[in-house]
């Protein structure tokens, strides 16, 4: 018999940054990114996203075409990396929006 049920939602995640694809926005290897799971991403937001089995931190970009179709991209902040186009068939999910970065010295 269940007397009550508690649903727990994780509101924030703390993610350790690996790599240098966001270095030009001062998001560096080894930092901790604070991720708000409830905040809705806007064009230009920095997001943690899952594409297939890979996770990444990138800038979220939405473009509305002349035919009113929308295109979505994950954009790095380092010219050495290419942007990633998100297709409808992709196994894709936005985990949350990065709100802060923590760095230890």
PDB file of N, CA and C in Angstrom:
ATOM      1  N   UNK A   1       0.833  -1.176   0.000  1.00  0.00           N
ATOM      2  CA  UNK A   1       0.000   0.000   0.000  1.00  0.00           C
ATOM      3  C   UNK A   1       0.885   1.249   0.000  1.00  0.00           C
ATOM      4  N   UNK A   2       0.603   2.158  -0.925  1.00  0.00           N
ATOM      5  CA  UNK A   2       1.357   3.408  -1.002  1.00  0.00           C
ATOM      6  C   UNK A   2       0.530   4.496  -0.328  1.00  0.00           C
ATOM      7  N   UNK A   3       1.105   5.098   0.721  1.00  0.00           N
ATOM      8  CA  UNK A   3       0.403   6.152   1.434  1.00  0.00           C
ATOM      9  C   UNK A   3       0.523   7.489   0.716  1.00  0.00           C
ATOM     10  N   UNK A   4       1.674   7.752   0.159  1.00  0.00           N
ATOM     11  CA  UNK A   4       1.856   8.975  -0.606  1.00  0.00           C
ATOM     12  C   UNK A   4       3.024   8.776  -1.567  1.00  0.00           C
ATOM     13  N   UNK A   5       3.033   9.585  -2.584  1.00  0.00           N
ATOM     14  CA  UNK A   5       4.089   9.500  -3.581  1.00  0.00           C
ATOM     15  C   UNK A   5       4.742  10.862  -3.695  1.00  0.00           C
ATOM     16  N   UNK A   6       6.046  10.868  -3.714  1.00  0.00           N
ATOM     17  CA  UNK A   6       6.789  12.113  -3.824  1.00  0.00           C
ATOM     18  C   UNK A   6       7.494  12.140  -5.179  1.00  0.00           C
ATOM     19  N   UNK A   7       7.287  13.206  -5.910  1.00  0.00           N
ATOM     20  CA  UNK A   7       7.974  13.375  -7.178  1.00  0.00           C
ATOM     21  C   UNK A   7       9.080  14.401  -6.969  1.00  0.00           C
ATOM     22  N   UNK A   8      10.294  14.010  -7.273  1.00  0.00           N
ATOM     23  CA  UNK A   8      11.432  14.900  -7.096  1.00  0.00           C
ATOM     24  C   UNK A   8      11.934  15.312  -8.475  1.00  0.00           C
ATOM     25  N   UNK A   9      11.988  16.609  -8.684  1.00  0.00           N
ATOM     26  CA  UNK A   9      12.520  17.128  -9.942  1.00  0.00           C
ATOM     27  C   UNK A   9      13.857  17.787  -9.646  1.00  0.00           C
ATOM     28  N   UNK A  10      14.834  17.462 -10.446  1.00  0.00           N
ATOM     29  CA  UNK A  10      16.136  18.089 -10.296  1.00  0.00           C
ATOM     30  C   UNK A  10      16.093  19.414 -11.042  1.00  0.00           C
ATOM     31  N   UNK A  11      16.244  20.510 -10.289  1.00  0.00           N
ATOM     32  CA  UNK A  11      16.133  21.832 -10.878  1.00  0.00           C
ATOM     33  C   UNK A  11      17.455  22.319 -11.458  1.00  0.00           C
ATOM     34  N   UNK A  12      18.550  21.957 -10.806  1.00  0.00           N
ATOM     35  CA  UNK A  12      19.869  22.401 -11.247  1.00  0.00           C
ATOM     36  C   UNK A  12      20.813  21.219 -11.349  1.00  0.00           C
ATOM     37  N   UNK A  13      21.686  21.281 -12.338  1.00  0.00           N
ATOM     38  CA  UNK A  13      22.763  20.310 -12.483  1.00  0.00           C
ATOM     39  C   UNK A  13      24.078  21.064 -12.406  1.00  0.00           C
ATOM     40  N   UNK A  14      25.097  20.379 -11.980  1.00  0.00           N
ATOM     41  CA  UNK A  14      26.454  20.918 -11.978  1.00  0.00           C
ATOM     42  C   UNK A  14      27.274  20.016 -12.884  1.00  0.00           C
ATOM     43  N   UNK A  15      27.787  20.584 -13.960  1.00  0.00           N
ATOM     44  CA  UNK A  15      28.447  19.810 -15.002  1.00  0.00           C
ATOM     45  C   UNK A  15      29.892  20.278 -15.148  1.00  0.00           C
ATOM     46  N   UNK A  16      30.838  19.348 -15.122  1.00  0.00           N
ATOM     47  CA  UNK A  16      32.231  19.717 -15.345  1.00  0.00           C
ATOM     48  C   UNK A  16      32.481  19.845 -16.847  1.00  0.00           C
ATOM     49  N   UNK A  17      33.053  20.972 -17.232  1.00  0.00           N
ATOM     50  CA  UNK A  17      33.333  21.267 -18.643  1.00  0.00           C
ATOM     51  C   UNK A  17      34.594  20.525 -19.065  1.00  0.00           C
ATOM     52  N   UNK A  18      34.517  19.899 -20.231  1.00  0.00           N
ATOM     53  CA  UNK A  18      35.672  19.239 -20.839  1.00  0.00           C
ATOM     54  C   UNK A  18      35.830  19.793 -22.253  1.00  0.00           C
ATOM     55  N   UNK A  19      37.019  20.234 -22.601  1.00  0.00           N
ATOM     56  CA  UNK A  19      37.273  20.723 -23.945  1.00  0.00           C
ATOM     57  C   UNK A  19      37.332  22.240 -24.014  1.00  0.00           C
ATOM     58  N   UNK A  20      37.551  22.741 -25.230  1.00  0.00           N
ATOM     59  CA  UNK A  20      37.742  24.179 -25.417  1.00  0.00           C
ATOM     60  C   UNK A  20      36.822  24.789 -26.476  1.00  0.00           C
ATOM     61  N   UNK A  21      35.725  24.116 -26.797  1.00  0.00           N
ATOM     62  CA  UNK A  21      34.838  24.618 -27.855  1.00  0.00           C
ATOM     63  C   UNK A  21      34.094  25.895 -27.469  1.00  0.00           C
ATOM     64  N   UNK A  22      34.095  26.256 -26.189  1.00  0.00           N
ATOM     65  CA  UNK A  22      33.390  27.469 -25.746  1.00  0.00           C
ATOM     66  C   UNK A  22      34.342  28.490 -25.128  1.00  0.00           C
ATOM     67  N   UNK A  23      35.611  28.378 -25.428  1.00  0.00           N
ATOM     68  CA  UNK A  23      36.638  29.206 -24.788  1.00  0.00           C
ATOM     69  C   UNK A  23      36.448  30.701 -25.016  1.00  0.00           C
ATOM     70  N   UNK A  24      35.924  31.107 -26.181  1.00  0.00           N
ATOM     71  CA  UNK A  24      35.772  32.534 -26.467  1.00  0.00           C
ATOM     72  C   UNK A  24      34.642  33.178 -25.667  1.00  0.00           C
ATOM     73  N   UNK A  25      33.862  32.374 -24.965  1.00  0.00           N
ATOM     74  CA  UNK A  25      32.851  32.897 -24.027  1.00  0.00           C
ATOM     75  C   UNK A  25      33.294  32.650 -22.585  1.00  0.00           C
ATOM     76  N   UNK A  26      34.584  32.412 -22.400  1.00  0.00           N
ATOM     77  CA  UNK A  26      35.185  32.181 -21.079  1.00  0.00           C
ATOM     78  C   UNK A  26      34.611  30.969 -20.358  1.00  0.00           C
ATOM     79  N   UNK A  27      34.251  29.960 -21.126  1.00  0.00           N
ATOM     80  CA  UNK A  27      33.859  28.673 -20.554  1.00  0.00           C
ATOM     81  C   UNK A  27      35.012  27.729 -20.865  1.00  0.00           C
ATOM     82  N   UNK A  28      35.770  27.386 -19.824  1.00  0.00           N
ATOM     83  CA  UNK A  28      37.036  26.692 -20.010  1.00  0.00           C
ATOM     84  C   UNK A  28      37.028  25.281 -19.441  1.00  0.00           C
ATOM     85  N   UNK A  29      37.931  24.478 -19.949  1.00  0.00           N
ATOM     86  CA  UNK A  29      38.126  23.112 -19.484  1.00  0.00           C
ATOM     87  C   UNK A  29      38.313  23.096 -17.966  1.00  0.00           C
ATOM     88  N   UNK A  30      37.585  22.225 -17.301  1.00  0.00           N
ATOM     89  CA  UNK A  30      37.695  22.079 -15.851  1.00  0.00           C
ATOM     90  C   UNK A  30      36.701  22.895 -15.046  1.00  0.00           C
ATOM     91  N   UNK A  31      36.070  23.890 -15.658  1.00  0.00           N
ATOM     92  CA  UNK A  31      35.070  24.691 -14.942  1.00  0.00           C
ATOM     93  C   UNK A  31      33.850  23.835 -14.616  1.00  0.00           C
ATOM     94  N   UNK A  32      33.059  24.317 -13.663  1.00  0.00           N
ATOM     95  CA  UNK A  32      31.761  23.714 -13.356  1.00  0.00           C
ATOM     96  C   UNK A  32      30.690  24.644 -13.920  1.00  0.00           C
ATOM     97  N   UNK A  33      29.835  24.107 -14.784  1.00  0.00           N
ATOM     98  CA  UNK A  33      28.714  24.871 -15.336  1.00  0.00           C
ATOM     99  C   UNK A  33      27.468  24.568 -14.509  1.00  0.00           C
ATOM    100  N   UNK A  34      26.790  25.621 -14.072  1.00  0.00           N
ATOM    101  CA  UNK A  34      25.524  25.481 -13.354  1.00  0.00           C
ATOM    102  C   UNK A  34      24.420  25.521 -14.404  1.00  0.00           C
ATOM    103  N   UNK A  35      23.603  24.468 -14.439  1.00  0.00           N
ATOM    104  CA  UNK A  35      22.605  24.299 -15.490  1.00  0.00           C
ATOM    105  C   UNK A  35      21.203  24.327 -14.888  1.00  0.00           C
ATOM    106  N   UNK A  36      20.387  25.271 -15.345  1.00  0.00           N
ATOM    107  CA  UNK A  36      18.994  25.393 -14.905  1.00  0.00           C
ATOM    108  C   UNK A  36      18.136  24.520 -15.820  1.00  0.00           C
ATOM    109  N   UNK A  37      17.552  23.469 -15.267  1.00  0.00           N
ATOM    110  CA  UNK A  37      16.762  22.520 -16.063  1.00  0.00           C
ATOM    111  C   UNK A  37      15.393  23.063 -16.444  1.00  0.00           C
ATOM    112  N   UNK A  38      14.897  24.067 -15.738  1.00  0.00           N
ATOM    113  CA  UNK A  38      13.555  24.582 -16.009  1.00  0.00           C
ATOM    114  C   UNK A  38      13.535  25.801 -16.922  1.00  0.00           C
ATOM    115  N   UNK A  39      14.676  26.459 -17.075  1.00  0.00           N
ATOM    116  CA  UNK A  39      14.727  27.665 -17.897  1.00  0.00           C
ATOM    117  C   UNK A  39      14.601  27.297 -19.372  1.00  0.00           C
ATOM    118  N   UNK A  40      13.730  28.007 -20.061  1.00  0.00           N
ATOM    119  CA  UNK A  40      13.517  27.756 -21.489  1.00  0.00           C
ATOM    120  C   UNK A  40      14.628  28.442 -22.281  1.00  0.00           C
ATOM    121  N   UNK A  41      15.287  27.697 -23.161  1.00  0.00           N
ATOM    122  CA  UNK A  41      16.364  28.322 -23.938  1.00  0.00           C
ATOM    123  C   UNK A  41      15.826  29.323 -24.948  1.00  0.00           C
ATOM    124  N   UNK A  42      16.513  30.443 -25.050  1.00  0.00           N
ATOM    125  CA  UNK A  42      16.191  31.452 -26.046  1.00  0.00           C
ATOM    126  C   UNK A  42      17.313  31.479 -27.068  1.00  0.00           C
ATOM    127  N   UNK A  43      17.076  32.101 -28.187  1.00  0.00           N
ATOM    128  CA  UNK A  43      18.105  32.239 -29.194  1.00  0.00           C
ATOM    129  C   UNK A  43      19.322  32.925 -28.569  1.00  0.00           C
ATOM    130  N   UNK A  44      20.476  32.274 -28.628  1.00  0.00           N
ATOM    131  CA  UNK A  44      21.693  32.823 -28.041  1.00  0.00           C
ATOM    132  C   UNK A  44      22.015  32.282 -26.660  1.00  0.00           C
ATOM    133  N   UNK A  45      21.108  31.540 -26.046  1.00  0.00           N
ATOM    134  CA  UNK A  45      21.383  30.938 -24.738  1.00  0.00           C
ATOM    135  C   UNK A  45      22.494  29.908 -24.853  1.00  0.00           C
ATOM    136  N   UNK A  46      23.241  29.744 -23.784  1.00  0.00           N
ATOM    137  CA  UNK A  46      24.223  28.670 -23.721  1.00  0.00           C
ATOM    138  C   UNK A  46      23.518  27.484 -23.085  1.00  0.00           C
ATOM    139  N   UNK A  47      23.543  26.350 -23.766  1.00  0.00           N
ATOM    140  CA  UNK A  47      22.782  25.187 -23.312  1.00  0.00           C
ATOM    141  C   UNK A  47      23.679  23.968 -23.164  1.00  0.00           C
ATOM    142  N   UNK A  48      23.220  23.051 -22.327  1.00  0.00           N
ATOM    143  CA  UNK A  48      23.768  21.696 -22.301  1.00  0.00           C
ATOM    144  C   UNK A  48      22.775  20.862 -23.083  1.00  0.00           C
ATOM    145  N   UNK A  49      23.280  20.151 -24.097  1.00  0.00           N
ATOM    146  CA  UNK A  49      22.414  19.384 -24.974  1.00  0.00           C
ATOM    147  C   UNK A  49      22.949  17.967 -25.128  1.00  0.00           C
ATOM    148  N   UNK A  50      22.018  17.058 -25.442  1.00  0.00           N
ATOM    149  CA  UNK A  50      22.387  15.678 -25.743  1.00  0.00           C
ATOM    150  C   UNK A  50      22.012  15.408 -27.192  1.00  0.00           C
ATOM    151  N   UNK A  51      22.985  14.936 -27.950  1.00  0.00           N
ATOM    152  CA  UNK A  51      22.764  14.546 -29.336  1.00  0.00           C
ATOM    153  C   UNK A  51      23.243  13.111 -29.457  1.00  0.00           C
ATOM    154  N   UNK A  52      22.281  12.189 -29.555  1.00  0.00           N
ATOM    155  CA  UNK A  52      22.614  10.766 -29.480  1.00  0.00           C
ATOM    156  C   UNK A  52      23.108  10.455 -28.082  1.00  0.00           C
ATOM    157  N   UNK A  53      24.294   9.879 -27.973  1.00  0.00           N
ATOM    158  CA  UNK A  53      24.842   9.561 -26.650  1.00  0.00           C
ATOM    159  C   UNK A  53      25.886  10.578 -26.203  1.00  0.00           C
ATOM    160  N   UNK A  54      26.074  11.654 -26.973  1.00  0.00           N
ATOM    161  CA  UNK A  54      27.079  12.668 -26.639  1.00  0.00           C
ATOM    162  C   UNK A  54      26.413  13.894 -26.010  1.00  0.00           C
ATOM    163  N   UNK A  55      27.088  14.453 -25.018  1.00  0.00           N
ATOM    164  CA  UNK A  55      26.631  15.680 -24.371  1.00  0.00           C
ATOM    165  C   UNK A  55      27.571  16.810 -24.743  1.00  0.00           C
ATOM    166  N   UNK A  56      27.017  18.018 -24.858  1.00  0.00           N
ATOM    167  CA  UNK A  56      27.834  19.154 -25.252  1.00  0.00           C
ATOM    168  C   UNK A  56      27.284  20.440 -24.651  1.00  0.00           C
ATOM    169  N   UNK A  57      28.148  21.436 -24.518  1.00  0.00           N
ATOM    170  CA  UNK A  57      27.742  22.787 -24.144  1.00  0.00           C
ATOM    171  C   UNK A  57      28.008  23.666 -25.358  1.00  0.00           C
ATOM    172  N   UNK A  58      26.957  24.322 -25.825  1.00  0.00           N
ATOM    173  CA  UNK A  58      27.064  25.181 -27.006  1.00  0.00           C
ATOM    174  C   UNK A  58      26.033  26.307 -26.907  1.00  0.00           C
ATOM    175  N   UNK A  59      26.176  27.275 -27.797  1.00  0.00           N
ATOM    176  CA  UNK A  59      25.193  28.353 -27.907  1.00  0.00           C
ATOM    177  C   UNK A  59      24.044  27.861 -28.785  1.00  0.00           C
ATOM    178  N   UNK A  60      22.804  28.096 -28.351  1.00  0.00           N
ATOM    179  CA  UNK A  60      21.595  27.681 -29.061  1.00  0.00           C
ATOM    180  C   UNK A  60      21.233  28.754 -30.080  1.00  0.00           C
ATOM    181  N   UNK A  61      21.038  28.340 -31.323  1.00  0.00           N
ATOM    182  CA  UNK A  61      20.717  29.285 -32.396  1.00  0.00           C
ATOM    183  C   UNK A  61      19.485  28.802 -33.144  1.00  0.00           C
ATOM    184  N   UNK A  62      18.493  29.693 -33.261  1.00  0.00           N
ATOM    185  CA  UNK A  62      17.266  29.403 -34.002  1.00  0.00           C
ATOM    186  C   UNK A  62      17.173  30.378 -35.167  1.00  0.00           C
ATOM    187  N   UNK A  63      16.861  29.841 -36.340  1.00  0.00           N
ATOM    188  CA  UNK A  63      16.697  30.679 -37.528  1.00  0.00           C
ATOM    189  C   UNK A  63      15.345  30.352 -38.150  1.00  0.00           C
ATOM    190  N   UNK A  64      14.591  31.407 -38.452  1.00  0.00           N
ATOM    191  CA  UNK A  64      13.340  31.198 -39.176  1.00  0.00           C
ATOM    192  C   UNK A  64      13.603  31.537 -40.644  1.00  0.00           C
ATOM    193  N   UNK A  65      13.323  30.593 -41.521  1.00  0.00           N
ATOM    194  CA  UNK A  65      13.585  30.786 -42.947  1.00  0.00           C
ATOM    195  C   UNK A  65      12.461  31.592 -43.585  1.00  0.00           C
ATOM    196  N   UNK A  66      12.664  31.957 -44.830  1.00  0.00           N
ATOM    197  CA  UNK A  66      11.637  32.729 -45.553  1.00  0.00           C
ATOM    198  C   UNK A  66      10.349  31.934 -45.737  1.00  0.00           C
ATOM    199  N   UNK A  67      10.424  30.605 -45.634  1.00  0.00           N
ATOM    200  CA  UNK A  67       9.223  29.772 -45.752  1.00  0.00           C
ATOM    201  C   UNK A  67       8.593  29.508 -44.381  1.00  0.00           C
ATOM    202  N   UNK A  68       9.049  30.228 -43.369  1.00  0.00           N
ATOM    203  CA  UNK A  68       8.545  30.140 -41.992  1.00  0.00           C
ATOM    204  C   UNK A  68       8.928  28.829 -41.294  1.00  0.00           C
ATOM    205  N   UNK A  69       9.857  28.095 -41.904  1.00  0.00           N
ATOM    206  CA  UNK A  69      10.379  26.899 -41.227  1.00  0.00           C
ATOM    207  C   UNK A  69      11.488  27.330 -40.294  1.00  0.00           C
ATOM    208  N   UNK A  70      11.652  26.593 -39.230  1.00  0.00           N
ATOM    209  CA  UNK A  70      12.685  26.934 -38.259  1.00  0.00           C
ATOM    210  C   UNK A  70      13.829  25.942 -38.356  1.00  0.00           C
ATOM    211  N   UNK A  71      15.045  26.455 -38.259  1.00  0.00           N
ATOM    212  CA  UNK A  71      16.244  25.627 -38.227  1.00  0.00           C
ATOM    213  C   UNK A  71      16.948  25.876 -36.907  1.00  0.00           C
ATOM    214  N   UNK A  72      17.574  24.817 -36.401  1.00  0.00           N
ATOM    215  CA  UNK A  72      18.221  24.893 -35.100  1.00  0.00           C
ATOM    216  C   UNK A  72      19.675  24.445 -35.213  1.00  0.00           C
ATOM    217  N   UNK A  73      20.538  25.153 -34.484  1.00  0.00           N
ATOM    218  CA  UNK A  73      21.963  24.856 -34.503  1.00  0.00           C
ATOM    219  C   UNK A  73      22.539  24.936 -33.098  1.00  0.00           C
ATOM    220  N   UNK A  74      23.604  24.172 -32.869  1.00  0.00           N
ATOM    221  CA  UNK A  74      24.449  24.300 -31.695  1.00  0.00           C
ATOM    222  C   UNK A  74      25.753  24.917 -32.185  1.00  0.00           C
ATOM    223  N   UNK A  75      26.096  26.079 -31.620  1.00  0.00           N
ATOM    224  CA  UNK A  75      27.203  26.863 -32.151  1.00  0.00           C
ATOM    225  C   UNK A  75      28.323  26.959 -31.114  1.00  0.00           C
ATOM    226  N   UNK A  76      29.531  26.565 -31.479  1.00  0.00           N
ATOM    227  CA  UNK A  76      30.660  26.688 -30.565  1.00  0.00           C
ATOM    228  C   UNK A  76      31.150  28.131 -30.484  1.00  0.00           C
ATOM    229  N   UNK A  77      31.927  28.418 -29.456  1.00  0.00           N
ATOM    230  CA  UNK A  77      32.543  29.742 -29.302  1.00  0.00           C
ATOM    231  C   UNK A  77      34.054  29.600 -29.479  1.00  0.00           C
ATOM    232  N   UNK A  78      34.412  28.898 -30.526  1.00  0.00           N
ATOM    233  CA  UNK A  78      35.811  28.689 -30.880  1.00  0.00           C
ATOM    234  C   UNK A  78      35.818  28.408 -32.383  1.00  0.00           C
ATOM    235  N   UNK A  79      36.515  29.228 -33.171  1.00  0.00           N
ATOM    236  CA  UNK A  79      36.475  29.067 -34.629  1.00  0.00           C
ATOM    237  C   UNK A  79      37.075  27.753 -35.135  1.00  0.00           C
ATOM    238  N   UNK A  80      37.729  27.013 -34.271  1.00  0.00           N
ATOM    239  CA  UNK A  80      38.302  25.729 -34.677  1.00  0.00           C
ATOM    240  C   UNK A  80      37.242  24.627 -34.783  1.00  0.00           C
ATOM    241  N   UNK A  81      36.024  24.907 -34.317  1.00  0.00           N
ATOM    242  CA  UNK A  81      34.940  23.921 -34.333  1.00  0.00           C
ATOM    243  C   UNK A  81      33.821  24.394 -35.249  1.00  0.00           C
ATOM    244  N   UNK A  82      33.082  23.443 -35.800  1.00  0.00           N
ATOM    245  CA  UNK A  82      31.941  23.750 -36.668  1.00  0.00           C
ATOM    246  C   UNK A  82      30.636  23.731 -35.882  1.00  0.00           C
ATOM    247  N   UNK A  83      29.658  24.516 -36.349  1.00  0.00           N
ATOM    248  CA  UNK A  83      28.336  24.449 -35.744  1.00  0.00           C
ATOM    249  C   UNK A  83      27.681  23.122 -36.113  1.00  0.00           C
ATOM    250  N   UNK A  84      26.734  22.707 -35.288  1.00  0.00           N
ATOM    251  CA  UNK A  84      26.035  21.436 -35.476  1.00  0.00           C
ATOM    252  C   UNK A  84      24.587  21.747 -35.813  1.00  0.00           C
ATOM    253  N   UNK A  85      24.128  21.297 -36.975  1.00  0.00           N
ATOM    254  CA  UNK A  85      22.714  21.481 -37.350  1.00  0.00           C
ATOM    255  C   UNK A  85      21.905  20.352 -36.723  1.00  0.00           C
ATOM    256  N   UNK A  86      20.782  20.716 -36.112  1.00  0.00           N
ATOM    257  CA  UNK A  86      19.881  19.745 -35.504  1.00  0.00           C
ATOM    258  C   UNK A  86      18.782  19.424 -36.506  1.00  0.00           C
ATOM    259  N   UNK A  87      18.644  18.156 -36.824  1.00  0.00           N
ATOM    260  CA  UNK A  87      17.615  17.702 -37.759  1.00  0.00           C
ATOM    261  C   UNK A  87      16.467  17.051 -36.996  1.00  0.00           C
ATOM    262  N   UNK A  88      15.294  17.022 -37.609  1.00  0.00           N
ATOM    263  CA  UNK A  88      14.121  16.430 -36.954  1.00  0.00           C
ATOM    264  C   UNK A  88      14.334  14.979 -36.574  1.00  0.00           C
ATOM    265  N   UNK A  89      15.089  14.255 -37.359  1.00  0.00           N
ATOM    266  CA  UNK A  89      15.304  12.827 -37.107  1.00  0.00           C
ATOM    267  C   UNK A  89      16.340  12.566 -36.015  1.00  0.00           C
ATOM    268  N   UNK A  90      17.052  13.597 -35.576  1.00  0.00           N
ATOM    269  CA  UNK A  90      18.100  13.414 -34.568  1.00  0.00           C
ATOM    270  C   UNK A  90      17.509  13.062 -33.209  1.00  0.00           C
ATOM    271  N   UNK A  91      18.218  12.231 -32.481  1.00  0.00           N
ATOM    272  CA  UNK A  91      17.890  11.936 -31.086  1.00  0.00           C
ATOM    273  C   UNK A  91      18.516  13.058 -30.266  1.00  0.00           C
ATOM    274  N   UNK A  92      17.734  14.116 -30.038  1.00  0.00           N
ATOM    275  CA  UNK A  92      18.245  15.367 -29.484  1.00  0.00           C
ATOM    276  C   UNK A  92      17.407  15.823 -28.312  1.00  0.00           C
ATOM    277  N   UNK A  93      18.087  16.406 -27.326  1.00  0.00           N
ATOM    278  CA  UNK A  93      17.393  16.938 -26.155  1.00  0.00           C
ATOM    279  C   UNK A  93      18.209  18.071 -25.560  1.00  0.00           C
ATOM    280  N   UNK A  94      17.536  19.163 -25.199  1.00  0.00           N
ATOM    281  CA  UNK A  94      18.201  20.210 -24.436  1.00  0.00           C
ATOM    282  C   UNK A  94      18.032  19.856 -22.964  1.00  0.00           C
ATOM    283  N   UNK A  95      19.140  19.693 -22.272  1.00  0.00           N
ATOM    284  CA  UNK A  95      19.124  19.319 -20.862  1.00  0.00           C
ATOM    285  C   UNK A  95      18.797  20.532 -20.002  1.00  0.00           C
ATOM    286  N   UNK A  96      19.336  21.695 -20.353  1.00  0.00           N
ATOM    287  CA  UNK A  96      19.078  22.907 -19.595  1.00  0.00           C
ATOM    288  C   UNK A  96      19.927  24.059 -20.097  1.00  0.00           C
ATOM    289  N   UNK A  97      19.743  25.208 -19.455  1.00  0.00           N
ATOM    290  CA  UNK A  97      20.441  26.435 -19.823  1.00  0.00           C
ATOM    291  C   UNK A  97      21.531  26.703 -18.796  1.00  0.00           C
ATOM    292  N   UNK A  98      22.739  26.977 -19.286  1.00  0.00           N
ATOM    293  CA  UNK A  98      23.847  27.323 -18.390  1.00  0.00           C
ATOM    294  C   UNK A  98      23.613  28.715 -17.855  1.00  0.00           C
ATOM    295  N   UNK A  99      23.626  28.869 -16.528  1.00  0.00           N
ATOM    296  CA  UNK A  99      23.382  30.157 -15.910  1.00  0.00           C
ATOM    297  C   UNK A  99      24.613  30.737 -15.237  1.00  0.00           C
ATOM    298  N   UNK A 100      25.540  29.884 -14.806  1.00  0.00           N
ATOM    299  CA  UNK A 100      26.746  30.342 -14.125  1.00  0.00           C
ATOM    300  C   UNK A 100      27.891  29.385 -14.423  1.00  0.00           C
ATOM    301  N   UNK A 101      29.092  29.882 -14.231  1.00  0.00           N
ATOM    302  CA  UNK A 101      30.269  29.042 -14.328  1.00  0.00           C
ATOM    303  C   UNK A 101      31.102  29.208 -13.075  1.00  0.00           C
ATOM    304  N   UNK A 102      31.573  28.113 -12.525  1.00  0.00           N
ATOM    305  CA  UNK A 102      32.388  28.123 -11.320  1.00  0.00           C
ATOM    306  C   UNK A 102      33.783  27.617 -11.664  1.00  0.00           C
ATOM    307  N   UNK A 103      34.785  28.311 -11.137  1.00  0.00           N
ATOM    308  CA  UNK A 103      36.153  27.922 -11.413  1.00  0.00           C
ATOM    309  C   UNK A 103      36.945  27.926 -10.122  1.00  0.00           C
ATOM    310  N   UNK A 104      37.751  26.922  -9.924  1.00  0.00           N
ATOM    311  CA  UNK A 104      38.589  26.915  -8.730  1.00  0.00           C
ATOM    312  C   UNK A 104      39.998  27.306  -9.110  1.00  0.00           C
ATOM    313  N   UNK A 105      40.711  27.909  -8.171  1.00  0.00           N
ATOM    314  CA  UNK A 105      42.079  28.378  -8.417  1.00  0.00           C
ATOM    315  C   UNK A 105      43.057  27.602  -7.567  1.00  0.00           C
TER     316      UNK A 105
END
